[in-house]
Amino acid sequence: MNRLSHRRPSQRGFSLIELIVVVIIIAVLAVLAIPAITNQMRDRRTQEVAQRVAGFYRDARMRAMGRGAAVMVRYDGTSGPEGTIEVREAVRGPGADANCQLLPVSSCSLSTWDVAGTDNKLLEKLDTANRSELSGIRVEVFGVAPANNGKQNTMDVCFSPMGRAFVRYDPLGQWQPMTGAAEAAVFRMGTDAAQAGLTRKVLILPNGYSRLGAAEAPP
C-alpha cells in the first residue's frame, strides 16, 4: 500500500501579511461606521428628550386631576438657546397654617407661579444645557393657532383639576382657555451652529394629550 496516499493534507494557517490586511479592513470599516453610529445615538437622545417633553404635559394634567391642584408646565426660551421646561404645582404657601402650606390650590390664577415664590413648588425640570450627554439639544415651542402659532419665547400651560387647560405667553399675563393645539420642536445643533440630525415634533392638545409627530430631516 502506498503510504503517500494516507498522508494528511497540509493545514496551512494565515500568514502575517494576511492577518494585517484583515485587521486593516476591519479598522477602515469601523472608522467609516463611527459617524453613522454617533449620529444614531444623538438622534435617539433627541427622541428621548421629545418623549420627556410630551410626558411633562400629559403627566401634568393627570396630576392636576388626581391631586386636585393647578399644575403648570412652563417653557422658557429666554435664559438660553436650549430652552428649559418646568412643571410646577400650586400650593397654599406661608399664608396658610404651618401644616397646610403644601396643600394643593385648585386655581391657576391664585398662584403667582414665580420661580422664587412660596405659593408653588417645582416638580420636574428639563434643562439640556446642564446635561453633557444632551449637549446641543434645543427645545422650541409654537403657540396655539391662529393668533399665536409662531415661535414663542415663553409659554405657560396650566391644567385645572377639572382637566381644563389654560395658556399664556407672558409669565405675568392673564390666563386664556387653550382652544387649540400647540407644538414643541426638539432638535440638535451641530458644532457649526447649524441644525444637525432629525427634528422631533410634539403636538400638545388642550385635553393634555401629547404625542410625537414624524421625524423631520433638517432644513
Protein backbone atom coordinates (compact mmCIF):
# COMPACT_ATOMS: atom_id res chain seq x y z
CA MET A 1 0.00 0.00 0.00
CA ASN A 2 1.29 3.42 -0.89
CA ARG A 3 1.92 5.33 2.30
CA LEU A 4 1.72 8.62 0.43
CA SER A 5 -1.98 8.05 -0.15
CA HIS A 6 -2.64 8.23 3.60
CA ARG A 7 -0.73 11.45 4.20
CA ARG A 8 -2.86 14.13 5.85
CA PRO A 9 -3.46 17.25 3.83
CA SER A 10 -1.43 20.25 4.81
CA GLN A 11 -3.22 22.63 7.21
CA ARG A 12 -1.84 25.95 6.21
CA GLY A 13 -2.68 28.90 8.52
CA PHE A 14 -2.95 32.60 7.81
CA SER A 15 0.24 34.40 7.06
CA LEU A 16 1.22 37.54 8.95
CA ILE A 17 0.51 39.69 5.91
CA GLU A 18 -2.98 38.25 5.54
CA LEU A 19 -3.74 38.93 9.21
CA ILE A 20 -2.52 42.51 8.86
CA VAL A 21 -4.75 43.03 5.81
CA VAL A 22 -7.79 41.71 7.72
CA VAL A 23 -7.06 43.99 10.67
CA ILE A 24 -6.71 47.00 8.36
CA ILE A 25 -10.02 46.21 6.64
CA ILE A 26 -11.80 45.91 9.99
CA ALA A 27 -10.28 49.19 11.17
CA VAL A 28 -11.34 51.02 7.99
CA LEU A 29 -14.90 49.69 8.28
CA ALA A 30 -15.03 50.74 11.93
CA VAL A 31 -13.83 54.26 11.11
CA LEU A 32 -16.46 54.56 8.38
CA ALA A 33 -19.22 53.33 10.70
CA ILE A 34 -18.41 55.54 13.70
CA PRO A 35 -20.05 58.76 12.36
CA ALA A 36 -23.25 56.92 11.47
CA ILE A 37 -23.41 55.21 14.86
CA THR A 38 -22.70 58.51 16.64
CA ASN A 39 -25.47 60.28 14.73
CA GLN A 40 -27.91 57.48 15.52
CA MET A 41 -27.11 57.78 19.22
CA ARG A 42 -27.60 61.55 19.11
CA ASP A 43 -30.90 61.20 17.24
CA ARG A 44 -32.00 58.69 19.86
CA ARG A 45 -31.25 61.21 22.62
CA THR A 46 -33.23 63.83 20.73
CA GLN A 47 -36.16 61.45 20.59
CA GLU A 48 -35.83 60.70 24.30
CA VAL A 49 -35.97 64.43 25.11
CA ALA A 50 -39.05 64.81 22.89
CA GLN A 51 -40.71 61.92 24.70
CA ARG A 52 -39.94 63.56 28.01
CA VAL A 53 -41.42 66.87 26.82
CA ALA A 54 -44.59 65.07 25.76
CA GLY A 55 -44.69 63.32 29.13
CA PHE A 56 -44.47 66.63 31.02
CA TYR A 57 -47.76 67.89 29.58
CA ARG A 58 -49.52 64.55 29.80
CA ASP A 59 -48.43 63.92 33.40
CA ALA A 60 -49.24 67.50 34.46
CA ARG A 61 -52.89 67.09 33.51
CA MET A 62 -53.09 63.69 35.22
CA ARG A 63 -51.53 65.11 38.40
CA ALA A 64 -53.89 68.10 38.38
CA MET A 65 -56.91 65.83 38.21
CA GLY A 66 -55.50 63.34 40.70
CA ARG A 67 -54.28 65.85 43.29
CA GLY A 68 -56.97 68.49 42.92
CA ALA A 69 -54.27 71.06 42.21
CA ALA A 70 -53.48 73.50 39.44
CA VAL A 71 -50.36 72.22 37.68
CA MET A 72 -48.42 74.36 35.23
CA VAL A 73 -45.88 73.49 32.54
CA ARG A 74 -43.64 76.46 31.79
CA TYR A 75 -41.40 76.78 28.74
CA ASP A 76 -38.71 79.46 28.96
CA GLY A 77 -36.56 80.20 25.95
CA THR A 78 -35.14 83.46 27.29
CA SER A 79 -32.47 82.00 29.57
CA GLY A 80 -30.56 80.33 26.74
CA PRO A 81 -30.95 78.88 23.25
CA GLU A 82 -31.60 75.38 24.60
CA GLY A 83 -34.85 76.32 26.34
CA THR A 84 -36.00 74.98 29.70
CA ILE A 85 -39.23 73.33 30.81
CA GLU A 86 -40.51 73.24 34.38
CA VAL A 87 -43.53 71.57 35.93
CA ARG A 88 -44.94 73.37 38.99
CA GLU A 89 -47.87 72.77 41.33
CA ALA A 90 -49.86 75.49 43.09
CA VAL A 91 -49.82 75.25 46.91
CA ARG A 92 -51.22 77.37 49.73
CA GLY A 93 -47.87 78.70 50.86
CA PRO A 94 -46.93 80.56 54.06
CA GLY A 95 -50.30 82.32 54.22
CA ALA A 96 -51.83 79.07 55.44
CA ASP A 97 -51.32 77.24 58.72
CA ALA A 98 -47.96 75.58 59.16
CA ASN A 99 -49.38 72.14 58.48
CA CYS A 100 -51.29 73.27 55.38
CA GLN A 101 -48.70 75.22 53.43
CA LEU A 102 -48.07 72.42 50.91
CA LEU A 103 -51.73 71.58 50.38
CA PRO A 104 -52.82 72.00 46.75
CA VAL A 105 -54.57 75.04 45.30
CA SER A 106 -57.05 74.33 42.52
CA SER A 107 -56.99 77.61 40.57
CA CYS A 108 -54.36 78.59 38.01
CA SER A 109 -54.89 82.29 38.75
CA LEU A 110 -54.38 82.07 42.52
CA SER A 111 -50.65 81.34 42.24
CA THR A 112 -48.00 83.81 41.13
CA TRP A 113 -46.02 80.89 39.65
CA ASP A 114 -42.89 82.84 40.48
CA VAL A 115 -39.85 80.54 40.47
CA ALA A 116 -38.80 82.09 43.78
CA GLY A 117 -42.33 82.15 45.15
CA THR A 118 -43.68 80.12 48.03
CA ASP A 119 -47.14 79.56 46.54
CA ASN A 120 -45.95 76.85 44.17
CA LYS A 121 -43.45 74.03 44.19
CA LEU A 122 -41.19 72.65 41.49
CA LEU A 123 -41.95 69.07 40.46
CA GLU A 124 -39.73 68.48 37.44
CA LYS A 125 -37.31 70.38 35.25
CA LEU A 126 -35.67 69.80 31.88
CA ASP A 127 -32.52 71.79 31.10
CA THR A 128 -30.39 70.19 28.39
CA ALA A 129 -27.68 72.83 28.84
CA ASN A 130 -26.75 71.24 32.18
CA ARG A 131 -26.57 67.69 30.86
CA SER A 132 -23.39 66.89 28.92
CA GLU A 133 -24.97 63.90 27.17
CA LEU A 134 -27.75 66.20 25.90
CA SER A 135 -25.39 68.92 24.71
CA GLY A 136 -26.69 70.81 21.69
CA ILE A 137 -30.30 69.65 22.01
CA ARG A 138 -32.79 72.51 21.90
CA VAL A 139 -36.49 72.83 22.58
CA GLU A 140 -38.67 75.46 20.89
CA VAL A 141 -42.42 75.94 21.25
CA PHE A 142 -45.04 77.32 18.90
CA GLY A 143 -48.27 78.69 20.32
CA VAL A 144 -51.90 77.98 19.60
CA ALA A 145 -53.05 78.92 16.10
CA PRO A 146 -54.09 81.19 14.58
CA ALA A 147 -53.20 84.13 16.83
CA ASN A 148 -50.06 82.73 18.46
CA ASN A 149 -48.86 79.96 16.16
CA GLY A 150 -45.37 81.42 15.80
CA LYS A 151 -42.29 80.63 17.84
CA GLN A 152 -42.70 81.76 21.45
CA ASN A 153 -40.06 82.90 23.93
CA THR A 154 -42.23 81.77 26.83
CA MET A 155 -45.36 79.66 27.10
CA ASP A 156 -47.25 78.60 30.22
CA VAL A 157 -49.87 75.86 30.06
CA CYS A 158 -51.87 75.32 33.25
CA PHE A 159 -54.19 72.39 33.92
CA SER A 160 -57.04 72.61 36.42
CA PRO A 161 -58.39 69.71 38.48
CA MET A 162 -61.32 69.55 36.04
CA GLY A 163 -58.89 68.76 33.23
CA ARG A 164 -59.23 72.15 31.54
CA ALA A 165 -56.14 73.77 30.01
CA PHE A 166 -55.25 77.45 30.04
CA VAL A 167 -52.40 79.17 28.21
CA ARG A 168 -50.49 82.43 28.29
CA TYR A 169 -47.33 83.71 26.60
CA ASP A 170 -46.28 86.17 29.29
CA PRO A 171 -45.42 84.91 32.80
CA LEU A 172 -47.32 87.93 34.18
CA GLY A 173 -50.19 87.79 31.69
CA GLN A 174 -53.77 86.63 32.01
CA TRP A 175 -54.75 83.02 31.50
CA GLN A 176 -56.83 82.23 28.44
CA PRO A 177 -58.64 78.96 27.66
CA MET A 178 -56.49 76.77 25.44
CA THR A 179 -58.72 76.23 22.42
CA GLY A 180 -56.26 74.68 20.01
CA ALA A 181 -53.07 72.68 19.75
CA ALA A 182 -49.60 74.00 20.48
CA GLU A 183 -46.38 72.41 19.30
CA ALA A 184 -42.86 71.82 20.57
CA ALA A 185 -39.88 71.10 18.35
CA VAL A 186 -36.87 69.21 19.68
CA PHE A 187 -33.69 69.20 17.62
CA ARG A 188 -29.92 69.22 17.90
CA MET A 189 -27.45 71.89 16.82
CA GLY A 190 -24.07 70.87 15.44
CA THR A 191 -20.70 72.40 16.27
CA ASP A 192 -21.02 74.60 13.17
CA ALA A 193 -24.13 76.28 14.63
CA ALA A 194 -26.31 74.57 12.03
CA GLN A 195 -29.09 72.12 12.78
CA ALA A 196 -27.93 68.51 12.67
CA GLY A 197 -29.92 65.33 12.85
CA LEU A 198 -33.67 64.87 12.94
CA THR A 199 -36.31 67.17 14.42
CA ARG A 200 -38.98 65.59 16.62
CA LYS A 201 -42.27 67.46 16.90
CA VAL A 202 -44.52 67.20 19.96
CA LEU A 203 -48.19 68.03 19.48
CA ILE A 204 -49.78 69.45 22.65
CA LEU A 205 -53.58 69.27 22.72
CA PRO A 206 -55.87 71.17 25.13
CA ASN A 207 -57.02 67.91 26.72
CA GLY A 208 -53.45 67.26 27.86
CA TYR A 209 -52.87 64.54 25.30
CA SER A 210 -49.48 64.92 23.68
CA ARG A 211 -47.85 62.77 21.05
CA LEU A 212 -44.76 62.65 18.91
CA GLY A 213 -45.00 63.52 15.25
CA ALA A 214 -42.97 62.02 12.45
CA ALA A 215 -39.24 62.75 12.47
CA GLU A 216 -38.23 65.52 10.09
CA ALA A 217 -34.90 65.97 8.34
CA PRO A 218 -33.02 69.23 8.97
CA PRO A 219 -33.83 72.08 6.56
